[in-house]
PDB file of N, CA and C in Angstrom:
ATOM      1  N   ILE A   1     166.930-187.046  84.900  1.00  0.00           N
ATOM      2  CA  ILE A   1     166.956-185.970  85.867  1.00  0.00           C
ATOM      3  C   ILE A   1     165.525-185.621  86.265  1.00  0.00           C
ATOM      4  N   VAL A   2     165.413-185.049  87.446  1.00  0.00           N
ATOM      5  CA  VAL A   2     164.130-184.525  87.911  1.00  0.00           C
ATOM      6  C   VAL A   2     164.369-183.125  88.488  1.00  0.00           C
ATOM      7  N   VAL A   3     163.308-182.346  88.531  1.00  0.00           N
ATOM      8  CA  VAL A   3     163.365-181.040  89.169  1.00  0.00           C
ATOM      9  C   VAL A   3     163.064-181.243  90.649  1.00  0.00           C
ATOM     10  N   GLY A   4     164.054-180.969  91.490  1.00  0.00           N
ATOM     11  CA  GLY A   4     163.889-181.138  92.926  1.00  0.00           C
ATOM     12  C   GLY A   4     163.183-179.963  93.569  1.00  0.00           C
ATOM     13  N   ASP A   5     163.446-178.762  93.055  1.00  0.00           N
ATOM     14  CA  ASP A   5     162.758-177.575  93.527  1.00  0.00           C
ATOM     15  C   ASP A   5     162.876-176.485  92.478  1.00  0.00           C
ATOM     16  N   LEU A   6     162.030-175.479  92.630  1.00  0.00           N
ATOM     17  CA  LEU A   6     162.008-174.378  91.677  1.00  0.00           C
ATOM     18  C   LEU A   6     161.603-173.118  92.427  1.00  0.00           C
ATOM     19  N   VAL A   7     162.353-172.048  92.205  1.00  0.00           N
ATOM     20  CA  VAL A   7     162.051-170.760  92.819  1.00  0.00           C
ATOM     21  C   VAL A   7     162.005-169.725  91.716  1.00  0.00           C
ATOM     22  N   ALA A   8     160.979-168.887  91.723  1.00  0.00           N
ATOM     23  CA  ALA A   8     160.877-167.806  90.743  1.00  0.00           C
ATOM     24  C   ALA A   8     160.480-166.528  91.465  1.00  0.00           C
ATOM     25  N   GLN A   9     161.178-165.448  91.152  1.00  0.00           N
ATOM     26  CA  GLN A   9     160.845-164.128  91.679  1.00  0.00           C
ATOM     27  C   GLN A   9     160.550-163.221  90.498  1.00  0.00           C
ATOM     28  N   TYR A  10     159.368-162.675  90.483  1.00  0.00           N
ATOM     29  CA  TYR A  10     159.007-161.727  89.438  1.00  0.00           C
ATOM     30  C   TYR A  10     159.345-160.334  89.946  1.00  0.00           C
ATOM     31  N   LYS A  11     160.201-159.626  89.210  1.00  0.00           N
ATOM     32  CA  LYS A  11     160.721-158.345  89.658  1.00  0.00           C
ATOM     33  C   LYS A  11     159.997-157.155  89.033  1.00  0.00           C
ATOM     34  N   SER A  12     159.488-157.316  87.816  1.00  0.00           N
ATOM     35  CA  SER A  12     158.742-156.240  87.154  1.00  0.00           C
ATOM     36  C   SER A  12     157.914-156.843  86.033  1.00  0.00           C
ATOM     37  N   GLU A  13     157.024-156.032  85.479  1.00  0.00           N
ATOM     38  CA  GLU A  13     156.176-156.511  84.397  1.00  0.00           C
ATOM     39  C   GLU A  13     156.973-156.669  83.109  1.00  0.00           C
ATOM     40  N   GLY A  14     156.589-157.662  82.338  1.00  0.00           N
ATOM     41  CA  GLY A  14     157.074-157.818  80.973  1.00  0.00           C
ATOM     42  C   GLY A  14     155.902-157.573  80.048  1.00  0.00           C
ATOM     43  N   PHE A  15     156.153-156.942  78.921  1.00  0.00           N
ATOM     44  CA  PHE A  15     155.067-156.545  78.037  1.00  0.00           C
ATOM     45  C   PHE A  15     155.209-157.182  76.663  1.00  0.00           C
ATOM     46  N   HIS A  16     154.071-157.449  76.027  1.00  0.00           N
ATOM     47  CA  HIS A  16     154.049-157.989  74.666  1.00  0.00           C
ATOM     48  C   HIS A  16     154.874-157.079  73.760  1.00  0.00           C
ATOM     49  N   GLY A  17     155.716-157.684  72.956  1.00  0.00           N
ATOM     50  CA  GLY A  17     156.551-156.940  72.028  1.00  0.00           C
ATOM     51  C   GLY A  17     157.949-156.660  72.543  1.00  0.00           C
ATOM     52  N   GLU A  18     158.168-156.781  73.854  1.00  0.00           N
ATOM     53  CA  GLU A  18     159.521-156.587  74.386  1.00  0.00           C
ATOM     54  C   GLU A  18     160.369-157.822  74.081  1.00  0.00           C
ATOM     55  N   THR A  19     161.622-157.586  73.836  1.00  0.00           N
ATOM     56  CA  THR A  19     162.566-158.685  73.644  1.00  0.00           C
ATOM     57  C   THR A  19     163.271-158.926  74.966  1.00  0.00           C
ATOM     58  N   MET A  20     163.235-160.176  75.421  1.00  0.00           N
ATOM     59  CA  MET A  20     163.836-160.526  76.706  1.00  0.00           C
ATOM     60  C   MET A  20     165.146-161.279  76.504  1.00  0.00           C
ATOM     61  N   ARG A  21     166.082-161.013  77.381  1.00  0.00           N
ATOM     62  CA  ARG A  21     167.335-161.777  77.423  1.00  0.00           C
ATOM     63  C   ARG A  21     167.244-162.701  78.623  1.00  0.00           C
ATOM     64  N   VAL A  22     167.420-163.986  78.379  1.00  0.00           N
ATOM     65  CA  VAL A  22     167.391-164.979  79.448  1.00  0.00           C
ATOM     66  C   VAL A  22     168.784-165.566  79.580  1.00  0.00           C
ATOM     67  N   ARG A  23     169.301-165.547  80.794  1.00  0.00           N
ATOM     68  CA  ARG A  23     170.620-166.136  81.076  1.00  0.00           C
ATOM     69  C   ARG A  23     170.433-167.268  82.074  1.00  0.00           C
ATOM     70  N   MET A  24     171.069-168.393  81.780  1.00  0.00           N
ATOM     71  CA  MET A  24     171.005-169.552  82.678  1.00  0.00           C
ATOM     72  C   MET A  24     172.426-170.035  82.932  1.00  0.00           C
ATOM     73  N   VAL A  25     172.741-170.284  84.199  1.00  0.00           N
ATOM     74  CA  VAL A  25     174.089-170.695  84.585  1.00  0.00           C
ATOM     75  C   VAL A  25     173.981-171.851  85.574  1.00  0.00           C
ATOM     76  N   PRO A  26     174.695-172.961  85.324  1.00  0.00           N
ATOM     77  CA  PRO A  26     174.718-174.044  86.318  1.00  0.00           C
ATOM     78  C   PRO A  26     175.633-173.657  87.479  1.00  0.00           C
ATOM     79  N   ARG A  27     175.138-173.858  88.716  1.00  0.00           N
ATOM     80  CA  ARG A  27     175.914-173.489  89.906  1.00  0.00           C
ATOM     81  C   ARG A  27     175.656-174.481  91.027  1.00  0.00           C
ATOM     82  N   ASP A  28     176.472-174.366  92.054  1.00  0.00           N
ATOM     83  CA  ASP A  28     176.277-175.109  93.308  1.00  0.00           C
ATOM     84  C   ASP A  28     176.123-176.608  93.076  1.00  0.00           C
ATOM     85  N   PHE A  29     177.098-177.190  92.401  1.00  0.00           N
ATOM     86  CA  PHE A  29     177.072-178.627  92.155  1.00  0.00           C
ATOM     87  C   PHE A  29     177.225-179.393  93.463  1.00  0.00           C
ATOM     88  N   SER A  30     176.462-180.456  93.589  1.00  0.00           N
ATOM     89  CA  SER A  30     176.591-181.384  94.708  1.00  0.00           C
ATOM     90  C   SER A  30     176.865-182.767  94.112  1.00  0.00           C
ATOM     91  N   ARG A  31     176.907-183.758  94.949  1.00  0.00           N
ATOM     92  CA  ARG A  31     177.192-185.115  94.463  1.00  0.00           C
ATOM     93  C   ARG A  31     176.144-185.591  93.464  1.00  0.00           C
ATOM     94  N   CYS A  32     174.874-185.246  93.685  1.00  0.00           N
ATOM     95  CA  CYS A  32     173.790-185.785  92.857  1.00  0.00           C
ATOM     96  C   CYS A  32     173.029-184.731  92.064  1.00  0.00           C
ATOM     97  N   GLY A  33     173.511-183.505  92.031  1.00  0.00           N
ATOM     98  CA  GLY A  33     172.764-182.497  91.279  1.00  0.00           C
ATOM     99  C   GLY A  33     173.427-181.139  91.273  1.00  0.00           C
ATOM    100  N   PHE A  34     172.647-180.153  90.872  1.00  0.00           N
ATOM    101  CA  PHE A  34     173.132-178.779  90.793  1.00  0.00           C
ATOM    102  C   PHE A  34     171.934-177.846  90.680  1.00  0.00           C
ATOM    103  N   ASP A  35     172.196-176.555  90.803  1.00  0.00           N
ATOM    104  CA  ASP A  35     171.168-175.539  90.593  1.00  0.00           C
ATOM    105  C   ASP A  35     171.383-174.898  89.231  1.00  0.00           C
ATOM    106  N   LEU A  36     170.307-174.642  88.528  1.00  0.00           N
ATOM    107  CA  LEU A  36     170.328-173.899  87.277  1.00  0.00           C
ATOM    108  C   LEU A  36     169.742-172.530  87.619  1.00  0.00           C
ATOM    109  N   VAL A  37     170.615-171.522  87.721  1.00  0.00           N
ATOM    110  CA  VAL A  37     170.231-170.175  88.123  1.00  0.00           C
ATOM    111  C   VAL A  37     169.918-169.372  86.872  1.00  0.00           C
ATOM    112  N   TYR A  38     168.810-168.639  86.893  1.00  0.00           N
ATOM    113  CA  TYR A  38     168.439-167.891  85.700  1.00  0.00           C
ATOM    114  C   TYR A  38     167.992-166.479  86.036  1.00  0.00           C
ATOM    115  N   GLY A  39     168.070-165.628  85.016  1.00  0.00           N
ATOM    116  CA  GLY A  39     167.582-164.261  85.113  1.00  0.00           C
ATOM    117  C   GLY A  39     167.011-163.845  83.776  1.00  0.00           C
ATOM    118  N   MET A  40     166.010-162.969  83.814  1.00  0.00           N
ATOM    119  CA  MET A  40     165.403-162.464  82.585  1.00  0.00           C
ATOM    120  C   MET A  40     165.321-160.946  82.693  1.00  0.00           C
ATOM    121  N   ALA A  41     165.753-160.257  81.624  1.00  0.00           N
ATOM    122  CA  ALA A  41     165.724-158.796  81.596  1.00  0.00           C
ATOM    123  C   ALA A  41     165.288-158.323  80.219  1.00  0.00           C
ATOM    124  N   CYS A  42     164.702-157.135  80.184  1.00  0.00           N
ATOM    125  CA  CYS A  42     164.327-156.512  78.920  1.00  0.00           C
ATOM    126  C   CYS A  42     165.611-156.121  78.196  1.00  0.00           C
ATOM    127  N   LEU A  43     165.754-156.566  76.967  1.00  0.00           N
ATOM    128  CA  LEU A  43     166.979-156.319  76.211  1.00  0.00           C
ATOM    129  C   LEU A  43     167.195-154.824  75.967  1.00  0.00           C
ATOM    130  N   GLU A  44     166.137-154.087  75.659  1.00  0.00           N
ATOM    131  CA  GLU A  44     166.275-152.674  75.305  1.00  0.00           C
ATOM    132  C   GLU A  44     166.636-151.795  76.509  1.00  0.00           C
ATOM    133  N   THR A  45     166.026-152.067  77.664  1.00  0.00           N
ATOM    134  CA  THR A  45     166.211-151.185  78.824  1.00  0.00           C
ATOM    135  C   THR A  45     167.104-151.768  79.909  1.00  0.00           C
ATOM    136  N   GLY A  46     167.310-153.088  79.904  1.00  0.00           N
ATOM    137  CA  GLY A  46     168.059-153.742  80.970  1.00  0.00           C
ATOM    138  C   GLY A  46     167.235-153.983  82.224  1.00  0.00           C
ATOM    139  N   ARG A  47     165.946-153.615  82.218  1.00  0.00           N
ATOM    140  CA  ARG A  47     165.065-153.794  83.374  1.00  0.00           C
ATOM    141  C   ARG A  47     164.926-155.274  83.726  1.00  0.00           C
ATOM    142  N   GLU A  48     165.206-155.616  84.979  1.00  0.00           N
ATOM    143  CA  GLU A  48     165.076-157.001  85.425  1.00  0.00           C
ATOM    144  C   GLU A  48     163.598-157.368  85.507  1.00  0.00           C
ATOM    145  N   VAL A  49     163.240-158.488  84.896  1.00  0.00           N
ATOM    146  CA  VAL A  49     161.851-158.950  84.889  1.00  0.00           C
ATOM    147  C   VAL A  49     161.663-160.129  85.842  1.00  0.00           C
ATOM    148  N   ALA A  50     162.613-161.054  85.877  1.00  0.00           N
ATOM    149  CA  ALA A  50     162.480-162.228  86.746  1.00  0.00           C
ATOM    150  C   ALA A  50     163.854-162.813  87.045  1.00  0.00           C
ATOM    151  N   ARG A  51     163.900-163.577  88.136  1.00  0.00           N
ATOM    152  CA  ARG A  51     165.104-164.342  88.477  1.00  0.00           C
ATOM    153  C   ARG A  51     164.671-165.580  89.240  1.00  0.00           C
ATOM    154  N   GLY A  52     165.553-166.548  89.305  1.00  0.00           N
ATOM    155  CA  GLY A  52     165.201-167.743  90.061  1.00  0.00           C
ATOM    156  C   GLY A  52     166.224-168.845  89.911  1.00  0.00           C
ATOM    157  N   LYS A  53     165.823-170.028  90.342  1.00  0.00           N
ATOM    158  CA  LYS A  53     166.688-171.202  90.219  1.00  0.00           C
ATOM    159  C   LYS A  53     165.847-172.457  90.131  1.00  0.00           C
ATOM    160  N   ILE A  54     166.430-173.433  89.469  1.00  0.00           N
ATOM    161  CA  ILE A  54     165.813-174.752  89.339  1.00  0.00           C
ATOM    162  C   ILE A  54     166.816-175.750  89.904  1.00  0.00           C
ATOM    163  N   GLY A  55     166.411-176.519  90.896  1.00  0.00           N
ATOM    164  CA  GLY A  55     167.268-177.554  91.472  1.00  0.00           C
ATOM    165  C   GLY A  55     167.106-178.845  90.688  1.00  0.00           C
ATOM    166  N   ILE A  56     168.199-179.301  90.087  1.00  0.00           N
ATOM    167  CA  ILE A  56     168.197-180.506  89.258  1.00  0.00           C
ATOM    168  C   ILE A  56     168.840-181.649  90.040  1.00  0.00           C
ATOM    169  N   VAL A  57     168.187-182.804  90.044  1.00  0.00           N
ATOM    170  CA  VAL A  57     168.707-183.995  90.725  1.00  0.00           C
ATOM    171  C   VAL A  57     168.769-185.138  89.713  1.00  0.00           C
ATOM    172  N   PHE A  58     169.906-185.818  89.679  1.00  0.00           N
ATOM    173  CA  PHE A  58     170.054-186.996  88.816  1.00  0.00           C
ATOM    174  C   PHE A  58     169.508-188.213  89.551  1.00  0.00           C
ATOM    175  N   ILE A  59     168.705-189.008  88.848  1.00  0.00           N
ATOM    176  CA  ILE A  59     168.037-190.175  89.440  1.00  0.00           C
ATOM    177  C   ILE A  59     168.407-191.429  88.647  1.00  0.00           C
ATOM    178  N   ASP A  60     168.738-192.507  89.370  1.00  0.00           N
ATOM    179  CA  ASP A  60     168.963-193.808  88.745  1.00  0.00           C
ATOM    180  C   ASP A  60     167.607-194.406  88.396  1.00  0.00           C
ATOM    181  N   ARG A  61     167.395-194.747  87.143  1.00  0.00           N
ATOM    182  CA  ARG A  61     166.087-195.259  86.716  1.00  0.00           C
ATOM    183  C   ARG A  61     165.714-196.570  87.394  1.00  0.00           C
ATOM    184  N   ALA A  62     166.682-197.443  87.582  1.00  0.00           N
ATOM    185  CA  ALA A  62     166.386-198.764  88.151  1.00  0.00           C
ATOM    186  C   ALA A  62     165.997-198.669  89.630  1.00  0.00           C
ATOM    187  N   SER A  63     166.809-197.940  90.409  1.00  0.00           N
ATOM    188  CA  SER A  63     166.547-197.860  91.851  1.00  0.00           C
ATOM    189  C   SER A  63     165.596-196.722  92.215  1.00  0.00           C
ATOM    190  N   ARG A  64     165.419-195.769  91.296  1.00  0.00           N
ATOM    191  CA  ARG A  64     164.591-194.584  91.525  1.00  0.00           C
ATOM    192  C   ARG A  64     165.089-193.763  92.706  1.00  0.00           C
ATOM    193  N   LYS A  65     166.429-193.738  92.873  1.00  0.00           N
ATOM    194  CA  LYS A  65     167.077-192.982  93.945  1.00  0.00           C
ATOM    195  C   LYS A  65     168.108-192.033  93.332  1.00  0.00           C
ATOM    196  N   PRO A  66     168.455-190.960  94.063  1.00  0.00           N
ATOM    197  CA  PRO A  66     169.489-190.049  93.543  1.00  0.00           C
ATOM    198  C   PRO A  66     170.782-190.795  93.235  1.00  0.00           C
ATOM    199  N   THR A  67     171.437-190.352  92.168  1.00  0.00           N
ATOM    200  CA  THR A  67     172.688-190.959  91.721  1.00  0.00           C
ATOM    201  C   THR A  67     173.689-189.848  91.418  1.00  0.00           C
ATOM    202  N   PRO A  68     174.983-190.127  91.506  1.00  0.00           N
ATOM    203  CA  PRO A  68     175.974-189.074  91.238  1.00  0.00           C
ATOM    204  C   PRO A  68     175.841-188.486  89.827  1.00  0.00           C
ATOM    205  N   VAL A  69     176.201-187.200  89.736  1.00  0.00           N
ATOM    206  CA  VAL A  69     176.207-186.517  88.437  1.00  0.00           C
ATOM    207  C   VAL A  69     177.179-187.258  87.526  1.00  0.00           C
ATOM    208  N   PRO A  70     176.754-187.644  86.317  1.00  0.00           N
ATOM    209  CA  PRO A  70     177.638-188.388  85.407  1.00  0.00           C
ATOM    210  C   PRO A  70     178.862-187.562  85.000  1.00  0.00           C
ATOM    211  N   PRO A  71     180.039-188.176  84.974  1.00  0.00           N
ATOM    212  CA  PRO A  71     181.260-187.464  84.570  1.00  0.00           C
ATOM    213  C   PRO A  71     181.152-186.852  83.167  1.00  0.00           C
ATOM    214  N   THR A  72     180.435-187.519  82.260  1.00  0.00           N
ATOM    215  CA  THR A  72     180.293-186.959  80.905  1.00  0.00           C
ATOM    216  C   THR A  72     179.501-185.656  80.939  1.00  0.00           C
ATOM    217  N   PHE A  73     178.506-185.560  81.803  1.00  0.00           N
ATOM    218  CA  PHE A  73     177.739-184.325  81.945  1.00  0.00           C
ATOM    219  C   PHE A  73     178.643-183.217  82.492  1.00  0.00           C
ATOM    220  N   LEU A  74     179.418-183.518  83.523  1.00  0.00           N
ATOM    221  CA  LEU A  74     180.337-182.529  84.094  1.00  0.00           C
ATOM    222  C   LEU A  74     181.342-182.037  83.059  1.00  0.00           C
ATOM    223  N   ALA A  75     181.824-182.943  82.203  1.00  0.00           N
ATOM    224  CA  ALA A  75     182.769-182.555  81.157  1.00  0.00           C
ATOM    225  C   ALA A  75     182.120-181.616  80.155  1.00  0.00           C
ATOM    226  N   GLN A  76     180.880-181.870  79.799  1.00  0.00           N
ATOM    227  CA  GLN A  76     180.172-180.999  78.850  1.00  0.00           C
ATOM    228  C   GLN A  76     179.930-179.617  79.459  1.00  0.00           C
ATOM    229  N   ILE A  77     179.591-179.576  80.725  1.00  0.00           N
ATOM    230  CA  ILE A  77     179.403-178.276  81.398  1.00  0.00           C
ATOM    231  C   ILE A  77     180.721-177.519  81.435  1.00  0.00           C
ATOM    232  N   ALA A  78     181.812-178.207  81.730  1.00  0.00           N
ATOM    233  CA  ALA A  78     183.125-177.558  81.807  1.00  0.00           C
ATOM    234  C   ALA A  78     183.551-177.003  80.448  1.00  0.00           C
ATOM    235  N   ALA A  79     183.058-177.608  79.365  1.00  0.00           N
ATOM    236  CA  ALA A  79     183.453-177.174  78.017  1.00  0.00           C
ATOM    237  C   ALA A  79     182.625-175.993  77.509  1.00  0.00           C
ATOM    238  N   LEU A  80     181.573-175.612  78.223  1.00  0.00           N
ATOM    239  CA  LEU A  80     180.747-174.488  77.784  1.00  0.00           C
ATOM    240  C   LEU A  80     181.529-173.181  77.845  1.00  0.00           C
ATOM    241  N   PRO A  81     181.293-172.279  76.897  1.00  0.00           N
ATOM    242  CA  PRO A  81     181.968-170.965  76.980  1.00  0.00           C
ATOM    243  C   PRO A  81     181.434-170.170  78.163  1.00  0.00           C
ATOM    244  N   HIS A  82     182.294-169.446  78.811  1.00  0.00           N
ATOM    245  CA  HIS A  82     181.898-168.623  79.955  1.00  0.00           C
ATOM    246  C   HIS A  82     181.897-167.168  79.505  1.00  0.00           C
ATOM    247  N   SER A  83     180.794-166.482  79.778  1.00  0.00           N
ATOM    248  CA  SER A  83     180.742-165.061  79.421  1.00  0.00           C
ATOM    249  C   SER A  83     180.797-164.215  80.677  1.00  0.00           C
ATOM    250  N   ALA A  84     181.234-163.009  80.511  1.00  0.00           N
ATOM    251  CA  ALA A  84     181.371-162.099  81.657  1.00  0.00           C
ATOM    252  C   ALA A  84     180.049-161.519  82.074  1.00  0.00           C
TER     253      ALA A  84
END
């Protein structure tokens, strides 16, 4: 896999000693990739610190071109627990 694009938005300051909660969710699947959407918030206050997304693209090593998302990967994603 390669990172096709990356977007980060910093929403507020994070400080040394704060505990952060990071959530990452795979979304917007296409034939050859998906977005990994994330958010970070201060655990104690719930204050949003950052959000963004990482565009993941699957690449065939031999041809060095995009290739379809492997069915085994899709099955593993489908088996992940979903939280509210």
